[in-house]
Amino acid sequence: MILSLVKFKDSSLKILAFPAFRNEHKNPYNSRLYNFIKEQGHKVEEFYRFQSLKDKYHIFHIHWPDTIIRAKSLFFLNSLRLVLFYFDLIILKIAGTKIVWTAHNLRSHEYSQNSHLNQVLERIHISIFIKYFINAIIVLNDQTESMIKTLYNIGENRRLTFVKIPHPNYRGIYKTMDQQFARKELNLNQQLFTYGYFGIIRKYKNVKNLVECFINLNDVNSQLIIAGSPEDLDEVRAIEEMIVNEKNIYFLEKRLTNHEVSCFFSACDLTVLPYKNIHNSGSAILSLSMNKPILVPDRPVFSEFSDIVGKDWVCTYQELSADALKVAQEKAKTLRILEPINYGISKLDNSILASETLSFYELIIRK
């Protein structure tokens, strides 16, 4: 669904966002969206507790409502956080604020690691949030709308407005550079085919499986570089133990600067995302934005990516294995022409998709 940008009569549209800018150091997705909106003359504020009492807003845009519940917190503390969150939601609803959710995922990434009580609490929280509070949902792909309706038992009598606005590309944030220079910066072998994983280190990311598959590949002509913020120390230690004797596996356990991100992707020949369950992936969009092919699980969302940038740039697997790595390597070696991916990824320009978001705001406000 493509929405044309309509000029607002009131140029001082007030938007409350959670998050707006405070996660920029982890992911510039939100800050780019709201900086564009601010450039159009609108006001964007970060959501904090009791923010609903400070001002009136046209839109409250929330991205990850599941983060109200913290995986390692006690049930009581999570319940208290929800009570305070819903206090703000009730005040916002009374004031006439329209509530919009961008459904990045259907459940928290750490859902399977939560206690049983916290799992129940999350299901109740998201169900109440959808059924009684939000006015509209932005989905990033074609499958999410039906999955939300099924998972949370949303009937036809619940009048919710859905719109698909894809994840924008990351062009303009990270620069591509010469591969030899990038590998020198990272102290990588210049001659070896380079697999890469970029992202936070957590259990659900399944990075250990990637390491195991690369070791089983037993290819002296390839190397693997893993880079990302070490947010799960148990997972980090497990990976360190696996690679202690592996000379062709490099592990950057840190949050990378923009320059280091540019070096990482420029050094790689192929990005591997070893996820088991995934609905959307900013890391896949980032890799394609840097003109790097991806190896990803065979899921509908990645079929959509393939339609956008061309099937040669998106390799898929049923189960990640050494054979899957080898097949993807041979395919990546044949990629020379960048025109198809440049044309496809340009459709995901941030200004285009942020404009669609603004138009969707107006649509919701007028309903």
Protein backbone atom coordinates (compact mmCIF):
# COMPACT_ATOMS: atom_id res chain seq x y z
CA MET A 1 0.00 0.00 0.00
CA ILE A 2 1.62 3.23 -1.15
CA LEU A 3 0.45 6.41 0.54
CA SER A 4 1.09 9.86 -0.88
CA LEU A 5 2.25 12.46 1.62
CA VAL A 6 -0.55 14.89 2.45
CA LYS A 7 0.27 18.24 4.03
CA PHE A 8 -1.14 18.62 7.51
CA LYS A 9 -3.28 21.67 8.17
CA ASP A 10 -1.68 21.97 11.58
CA SER A 11 2.07 21.97 11.07
CA SER A 12 2.65 21.41 14.79
CA LEU A 13 1.59 17.76 14.85
CA LYS A 14 2.72 16.28 18.18
CA ILE A 15 4.03 12.72 18.18
CA LEU A 16 5.03 10.72 21.23
CA ALA A 17 7.28 7.77 20.35
CA PHE A 18 8.63 4.77 22.22
CA PRO A 19 11.44 4.75 21.40
CA ALA A 20 12.21 7.84 19.33
CA PHE A 21 15.92 8.61 19.64
CA ARG A 22 17.28 6.84 22.72
CA ASN A 23 18.06 3.58 20.87
CA GLU A 24 20.05 5.30 18.11
CA HIS A 25 23.33 3.83 19.36
CA LYS A 26 21.89 0.35 18.78
CA ASN A 27 19.75 0.89 15.70
CA PRO A 28 19.30 4.16 13.76
CA TYR A 29 15.91 2.97 12.38
CA ASN A 30 13.82 5.06 14.80
CA SER A 31 15.95 8.19 14.89
CA ARG A 32 16.03 8.39 11.07
CA LEU A 33 12.23 8.09 10.92
CA TYR A 34 11.60 10.78 13.53
CA ASN A 35 14.33 13.12 12.35
CA PHE A 36 12.64 13.13 8.94
CA ILE A 37 9.28 13.84 10.58
CA LYS A 38 10.81 16.70 12.58
CA GLU A 39 12.27 18.12 9.36
CA GLN A 40 8.71 18.34 8.01
CA GLY A 41 7.84 20.72 10.85
CA HIS A 42 6.31 18.30 13.36
CA LYS A 43 7.18 17.77 17.00
CA VAL A 44 8.48 14.40 18.22
CA GLU A 45 9.04 13.59 21.89
CA GLU A 46 10.48 10.56 23.62
CA PHE A 47 8.03 8.55 25.75
CA TYR A 48 8.83 8.33 29.43
CA ARG A 49 6.71 7.30 32.39
CA PHE A 50 3.90 9.79 33.14
CA GLN A 51 4.63 11.62 29.88
CA SER A 52 0.88 11.52 29.22
CA LEU A 53 0.36 14.08 32.01
CA LYS A 54 2.76 16.64 30.53
CA ASP A 55 1.20 17.39 27.15
CA LYS A 56 -1.41 16.32 24.60
CA TYR A 57 -0.40 14.37 21.51
CA HIS A 58 -1.95 13.49 18.19
CA ILE A 59 -0.08 10.16 17.91
CA PHE A 60 1.58 7.75 20.30
CA HIS A 61 3.79 5.47 18.18
CA ILE A 62 5.16 2.42 19.97
CA HIS A 63 7.56 -0.07 18.42
CA TRP A 64 8.34 -2.81 20.95
CA PRO A 65 5.57 -3.01 23.58
CA ASP A 66 6.97 -6.35 24.77
CA THR A 67 10.02 -4.55 26.23
CA ILE A 68 7.88 -3.28 29.10
CA ILE A 69 8.33 -6.80 30.45
CA ARG A 70 11.96 -7.61 31.20
CA ALA A 71 13.06 -11.19 30.80
CA LYS A 72 15.11 -11.47 33.97
CA SER A 73 12.86 -9.41 36.22
CA LEU A 74 10.50 -10.76 38.87
CA PHE A 75 6.86 -11.21 37.94
CA PHE A 76 5.83 -8.61 40.51
CA LEU A 77 8.15 -5.93 39.10
CA ASN A 78 6.99 -6.62 35.55
CA SER A 79 3.38 -6.39 36.69
CA LEU A 80 4.09 -3.02 38.29
CA ARG A 81 5.74 -1.76 35.08
CA LEU A 82 2.63 -2.76 33.15
CA VAL A 83 0.31 -0.98 35.58
CA LEU A 84 2.31 2.23 35.16
CA PHE A 85 2.44 1.79 31.37
CA TYR A 86 -1.31 1.30 31.10
CA PHE A 87 -1.89 4.34 33.31
CA ASP A 88 -0.19 6.39 30.57
CA LEU A 89 -2.14 4.60 27.83
CA ILE A 90 -5.47 5.31 29.54
CA ILE A 91 -4.63 9.01 29.92
CA LEU A 92 -3.57 9.17 26.27
CA LYS A 93 -6.78 7.45 25.12
CA ILE A 94 -8.94 9.82 27.21
CA ALA A 95 -7.11 12.77 25.62
CA GLY A 96 -7.93 11.44 22.15
CA THR A 97 -4.42 10.37 21.18
CA LYS A 98 -4.28 7.78 18.38
CA ILE A 99 -2.05 4.83 19.25
CA VAL A 100 0.00 3.18 16.50
CA TRP A 101 2.11 0.03 16.81
CA THR A 102 4.85 -0.97 14.39
CA ALA A 103 4.92 -4.76 14.71
CA HIS A 104 8.62 -5.58 14.44
CA ASN A 105 8.01 -8.96 16.07
CA LEU A 106 5.04 -10.86 17.43
CA ARG A 107 6.61 -11.83 20.74
CA SER A 108 9.68 -10.73 22.64
CA HIS A 109 12.96 -12.21 21.44
CA GLU A 110 13.56 -13.59 24.92
CA TYR A 111 10.07 -15.09 25.24
CA SER A 112 11.24 -18.71 25.42
CA GLN A 113 13.73 -17.80 28.16
CA ASN A 114 11.16 -16.03 30.34
CA SER A 115 9.68 -17.66 33.39
CA HIS A 116 6.25 -19.21 32.85
CA LEU A 117 4.60 -16.37 34.78
CA ASN A 118 6.33 -13.73 32.66
CA GLN A 119 5.31 -15.57 29.48
CA VAL A 120 1.68 -15.52 30.62
CA LEU A 121 2.02 -11.86 31.57
CA GLU A 122 3.40 -10.96 28.13
CA ARG A 123 0.59 -12.78 26.31
CA ILE A 124 -2.04 -11.00 28.43
CA HIS A 125 -0.26 -7.65 27.99
CA ILE A 126 -0.03 -7.79 24.19
CA SER A 127 -3.56 -9.15 23.86
CA ILE A 128 -5.02 -6.29 25.95
CA PHE A 129 -2.82 -3.77 24.15
CA ILE A 130 -4.09 -4.88 20.73
CA LYS A 131 -7.73 -5.46 21.59
CA TYR A 132 -8.44 -2.35 23.64
CA PHE A 133 -5.86 0.36 23.09
CA ILE A 134 -4.28 0.62 19.67
CA ASN A 135 -5.94 2.20 16.64
CA ALA A 136 -3.58 1.02 13.93
CA ILE A 137 -0.77 -1.38 13.18
CA ILE A 138 2.13 -0.88 10.78
CA VAL A 139 3.49 -4.17 9.47
CA LEU A 140 6.81 -4.57 7.68
CA ASN A 141 5.83 -7.46 5.41
CA ASP A 142 2.81 -9.21 3.91
CA GLN A 143 2.53 -12.03 6.45
CA THR A 144 2.45 -10.17 9.76
CA GLU A 145 -1.14 -8.92 9.63
CA SER A 146 -2.67 -12.40 9.39
CA MET A 147 -0.22 -13.76 11.97
CA ILE A 148 -1.20 -11.07 14.48
CA LYS A 149 -4.90 -11.73 13.94
CA THR A 150 -4.40 -15.46 14.44
CA LEU A 151 -2.02 -15.30 17.39
CA TYR A 152 -4.10 -12.80 19.34
CA ASN A 153 -7.53 -13.95 18.17
CA ILE A 154 -8.57 -10.65 16.63
CA GLY A 155 -12.05 -10.93 15.13
CA GLU A 156 -13.61 -8.88 12.36
CA ASN A 157 -15.54 -6.82 14.92
CA ARG A 158 -12.27 -5.30 16.17
CA ARG A 159 -11.79 -2.31 13.88
CA LEU A 160 -8.05 -2.04 13.40
CA THR A 161 -6.32 -0.27 10.53
CA PHE A 162 -3.33 -2.10 9.06
CA VAL A 163 -0.79 -0.76 6.60
CA LYS A 164 2.39 -2.25 5.20
CA ILE A 165 5.39 0.09 5.34
CA PRO A 166 8.62 -1.89 4.83
CA HIS A 167 11.83 -1.49 6.80
CA PRO A 168 13.95 1.27 5.22
CA ASN A 169 17.45 0.70 3.94
CA TYR A 170 20.57 2.03 5.67
CA ARG A 171 22.11 3.81 2.71
CA GLY A 172 23.84 7.04 3.71
CA ILE A 173 24.65 5.95 7.28
CA TYR A 174 27.44 3.48 6.59
CA LYS A 175 29.94 3.92 3.78
CA THR A 176 31.19 1.15 1.54
CA MET A 177 34.97 0.98 1.20
CA ASP A 178 37.64 -0.97 -0.61
CA GLN A 179 37.63 -4.59 0.55
CA GLN A 180 41.40 -4.82 0.90
CA PHE A 181 41.48 -1.69 3.04
CA ALA A 182 38.62 -2.99 5.22
CA ARG A 183 40.31 -6.34 5.77
CA LYS A 184 43.55 -4.64 6.67
CA GLU A 185 41.70 -2.50 9.22
CA LEU A 186 40.26 -5.66 10.82
CA ASN A 187 43.47 -7.72 10.50
CA LEU A 188 41.78 -10.27 8.27
CA ASN A 189 43.39 -12.47 5.64
CA GLN A 190 43.13 -10.72 2.27
CA GLN A 191 42.73 -13.88 0.18
CA LEU A 192 40.10 -15.94 2.00
CA PHE A 193 36.37 -15.99 1.28
CA THR A 194 34.80 -14.19 4.23
CA TYR A 195 31.53 -15.09 5.94
CA GLY A 196 30.16 -12.54 8.38
CA TYR A 197 27.63 -12.33 11.19
CA PHE A 198 26.68 -8.89 12.50
CA GLY A 199 24.30 -8.30 15.39
CA ILE A 200 23.88 -8.52 19.12
CA ILE A 201 25.03 -11.75 20.74
CA ARG A 202 21.99 -13.42 22.29
CA LYS A 203 20.83 -17.00 22.47
CA TYR A 204 17.92 -16.58 20.06
CA LYS A 205 20.34 -15.31 17.39
CA ASN A 206 21.71 -18.87 17.16
CA VAL A 207 25.30 -17.76 16.53
CA LYS A 208 26.72 -20.93 18.09
CA ASN A 209 25.08 -22.96 15.33
CA LEU A 210 26.79 -20.79 12.71
CA VAL A 211 30.16 -21.36 14.39
CA GLU A 212 29.55 -25.11 14.48
CA CYS A 213 28.57 -25.20 10.80
CA PHE A 214 31.63 -23.19 9.80
CA ILE A 215 33.92 -25.52 11.75
CA ASN A 216 32.26 -28.50 10.04
CA LEU A 217 32.82 -26.82 6.66
CA ASN A 218 36.54 -27.39 7.24
CA ASP A 219 37.52 -25.01 4.45
CA VAL A 220 41.02 -23.59 4.76
CA ASN A 221 40.17 -21.06 2.05
CA SER A 222 37.47 -19.30 4.05
CA GLN A 223 37.17 -17.33 7.28
CA LEU A 224 34.33 -16.25 9.57
CA ILE A 225 34.03 -12.94 11.38
CA ILE A 226 31.45 -12.46 14.14
CA ALA A 227 30.82 -8.93 15.34
CA GLY A 228 28.32 -7.58 17.81
CA SER A 229 27.47 -6.33 21.25
CA PRO A 230 27.95 -9.11 23.88
CA GLU A 231 24.58 -8.83 25.62
CA ASP A 232 24.36 -12.48 26.72
CA LEU A 233 27.58 -13.31 28.55
CA ASP A 234 26.81 -17.04 28.79
CA GLU A 235 26.40 -17.15 25.02
CA VAL A 236 29.61 -15.18 24.53
CA ARG A 237 31.59 -17.56 26.75
CA ALA A 238 30.19 -20.57 24.89
CA ILE A 239 31.28 -19.11 21.55
CA GLU A 240 34.73 -18.28 22.93
CA GLU A 241 35.17 -21.90 24.02
CA MET A 242 34.13 -23.17 20.59
CA ILE A 243 36.66 -21.02 18.69
CA VAL A 244 39.65 -21.19 21.04
CA ASN A 245 41.57 -23.39 18.57
CA GLU A 246 40.09 -21.98 15.37
CA LYS A 247 42.51 -19.74 13.47
CA ASN A 248 39.99 -18.69 10.82
CA ILE A 249 37.25 -17.44 13.14
CA TYR A 250 37.39 -13.87 14.43
CA PHE A 251 35.16 -12.61 17.23
CA LEU A 252 34.67 -8.86 17.79
CA GLU A 253 32.84 -8.71 21.13
CA LYS A 254 31.87 -5.05 21.10
CA ARG A 255 29.34 -2.54 19.90
CA LEU A 256 30.79 -1.34 16.63
CA THR A 257 31.23 2.29 15.64
CA ASN A 258 29.82 3.40 12.28
CA HIS A 259 33.32 3.18 10.80
CA GLU A 260 33.76 -0.35 12.14
CA VAL A 261 30.36 -1.38 10.74
CA SER A 262 31.49 -0.08 7.34
CA CYS A 263 34.74 -2.03 7.65
CA PHE A 264 32.90 -5.18 8.68
CA PHE A 265 30.50 -5.30 5.74
CA SER A 266 33.10 -4.13 3.23
CA ALA A 267 35.40 -6.95 4.38
CA CYS A 268 32.74 -9.66 4.03
CA ASP A 269 31.74 -11.59 0.92
CA LEU A 270 28.53 -12.99 2.44
CA THR A 271 26.47 -12.22 5.55
CA VAL A 272 24.96 -15.20 7.38
CA LEU A 273 21.92 -14.81 9.65
CA PRO A 274 21.50 -18.12 11.51
CA TYR A 275 18.10 -17.34 13.05
CA LYS A 276 15.54 -20.05 13.80
CA ASN A 277 12.45 -17.88 14.24
CA ILE A 278 12.34 -14.52 12.51
CA HIS A 279 9.63 -12.20 11.20
CA ASN A 280 11.73 -9.16 10.21
CA SER A 281 15.42 -8.43 10.02
CA GLY A 282 17.15 -5.07 10.08
CA SER A 283 20.50 -6.88 9.80
CA ALA A 284 19.44 -8.37 6.46
CA ILE A 285 18.41 -4.94 5.18
CA LEU A 286 21.72 -3.50 6.41
CA SER A 287 23.73 -6.16 4.60
CA LEU A 288 21.86 -5.62 1.34
CA SER A 289 22.24 -1.86 1.79
CA MET A 290 26.01 -2.49 1.82
CA ASN A 291 25.78 -4.58 -1.39
CA LYS A 292 26.44 -7.85 0.41
CA PRO A 293 24.41 -11.01 -0.30
CA ILE A 294 22.72 -12.78 2.60
CA LEU A 295 22.24 -16.39 3.68
CA VAL A 296 19.02 -16.60 5.68
CA PRO A 297 16.36 -19.11 6.78
CA ASP A 298 13.68 -19.96 4.24
CA ARG A 299 10.93 -17.70 5.56
CA PRO A 300 8.30 -15.62 3.71
CA VAL A 301 9.85 -12.31 4.78
CA PHE A 302 13.04 -13.18 2.94
CA SER A 303 11.09 -14.15 -0.15
CA GLU A 304 9.89 -10.55 -0.15
CA PHE A 305 13.51 -9.36 0.09
CA SER A 306 14.34 -11.58 -2.87
CA ASP A 307 11.53 -9.97 -4.88
CA ILE A 308 12.94 -6.52 -4.07
CA VAL A 309 16.66 -6.98 -4.72
CA GLY A 310 16.77 -10.10 -6.89
CA LYS A 311 16.99 -13.79 -6.00
CA ASP A 312 20.75 -13.94 -6.56
CA TRP A 313 21.30 -11.74 -3.51
CA VAL A 314 19.19 -13.82 -1.10
CA CYS A 315 20.27 -17.41 -0.43
CA THR A 316 18.06 -19.48 1.86
CA TYR A 317 18.35 -22.68 3.87
CA GLN A 318 15.92 -25.05 5.57
CA GLU A 319 18.48 -25.97 8.23
CA LEU A 320 21.80 -24.17 8.46
CA SER A 321 24.66 -26.56 7.66
CA ALA A 322 28.16 -26.69 6.23
CA ASP A 323 26.63 -27.61 2.86
CA ALA A 324 24.38 -24.52 2.98
CA LEU A 325 27.45 -22.35 3.64
CA LYS A 326 29.30 -23.92 0.71
CA VAL A 327 26.41 -23.49 -1.74
CA ALA A 328 25.95 -19.84 -0.70
CA GLN A 329 29.69 -19.23 -1.09
CA GLU A 330 29.67 -20.47 -4.69
CA LYS A 331 26.65 -18.33 -5.46
CA ALA A 332 28.16 -15.21 -3.87
CA LYS A 333 31.32 -15.57 -5.95
CA THR A 334 29.30 -15.09 -9.13
CA LEU A 335 27.81 -11.72 -8.09
CA ARG A 336 29.41 -8.91 -10.03
CA ILE A 337 26.67 -6.59 -11.31
CA LEU A 338 25.26 -4.19 -8.68
CA GLU A 339 22.53 -2.55 -10.77
CA PRO A 340 19.69 -4.93 -9.69
CA ILE A 341 20.37 -4.53 -5.95
CA ASN A 342 20.91 -0.78 -6.26
CA TYR A 343 17.57 -0.40 -8.03
CA GLY A 344 15.74 -2.65 -5.57
CA ILE A 345 17.22 -1.26 -2.37
CA SER A 346 16.47 2.31 -3.51
CA LYS A 347 12.75 1.49 -3.19
CA LEU A 348 13.37 1.27 0.56
CA ASP A 349 14.68 4.83 0.87
CA ASN A 350 14.04 6.25 4.34
CA SER A 351 12.49 9.49 3.10
CA ILE A 352 9.94 7.59 0.99
CA LEU A 353 8.89 5.27 3.81
CA ALA A 354 8.91 8.02 6.45
CA SER A 355 6.63 10.04 4.16
CA GLU A 356 4.26 7.07 4.00
CA THR A 357 4.32 6.90 7.80
CA LEU A 358 3.34 10.57 8.04
CA SER A 359 0.49 10.04 5.60
CA PHE A 360 -0.68 7.09 7.65
CA TYR A 361 -0.69 9.26 10.77
CA GLU A 362 -3.03 11.69 9.04
CA LEU A 363 -5.30 8.88 7.91
CA ILE A 364 -5.58 7.60 11.51
CA ILE A 365 -6.11 11.08 12.97
CA ARG A 366 -9.03 11.72 10.63
CA LYS A 367 -10.81 8.44 11.43
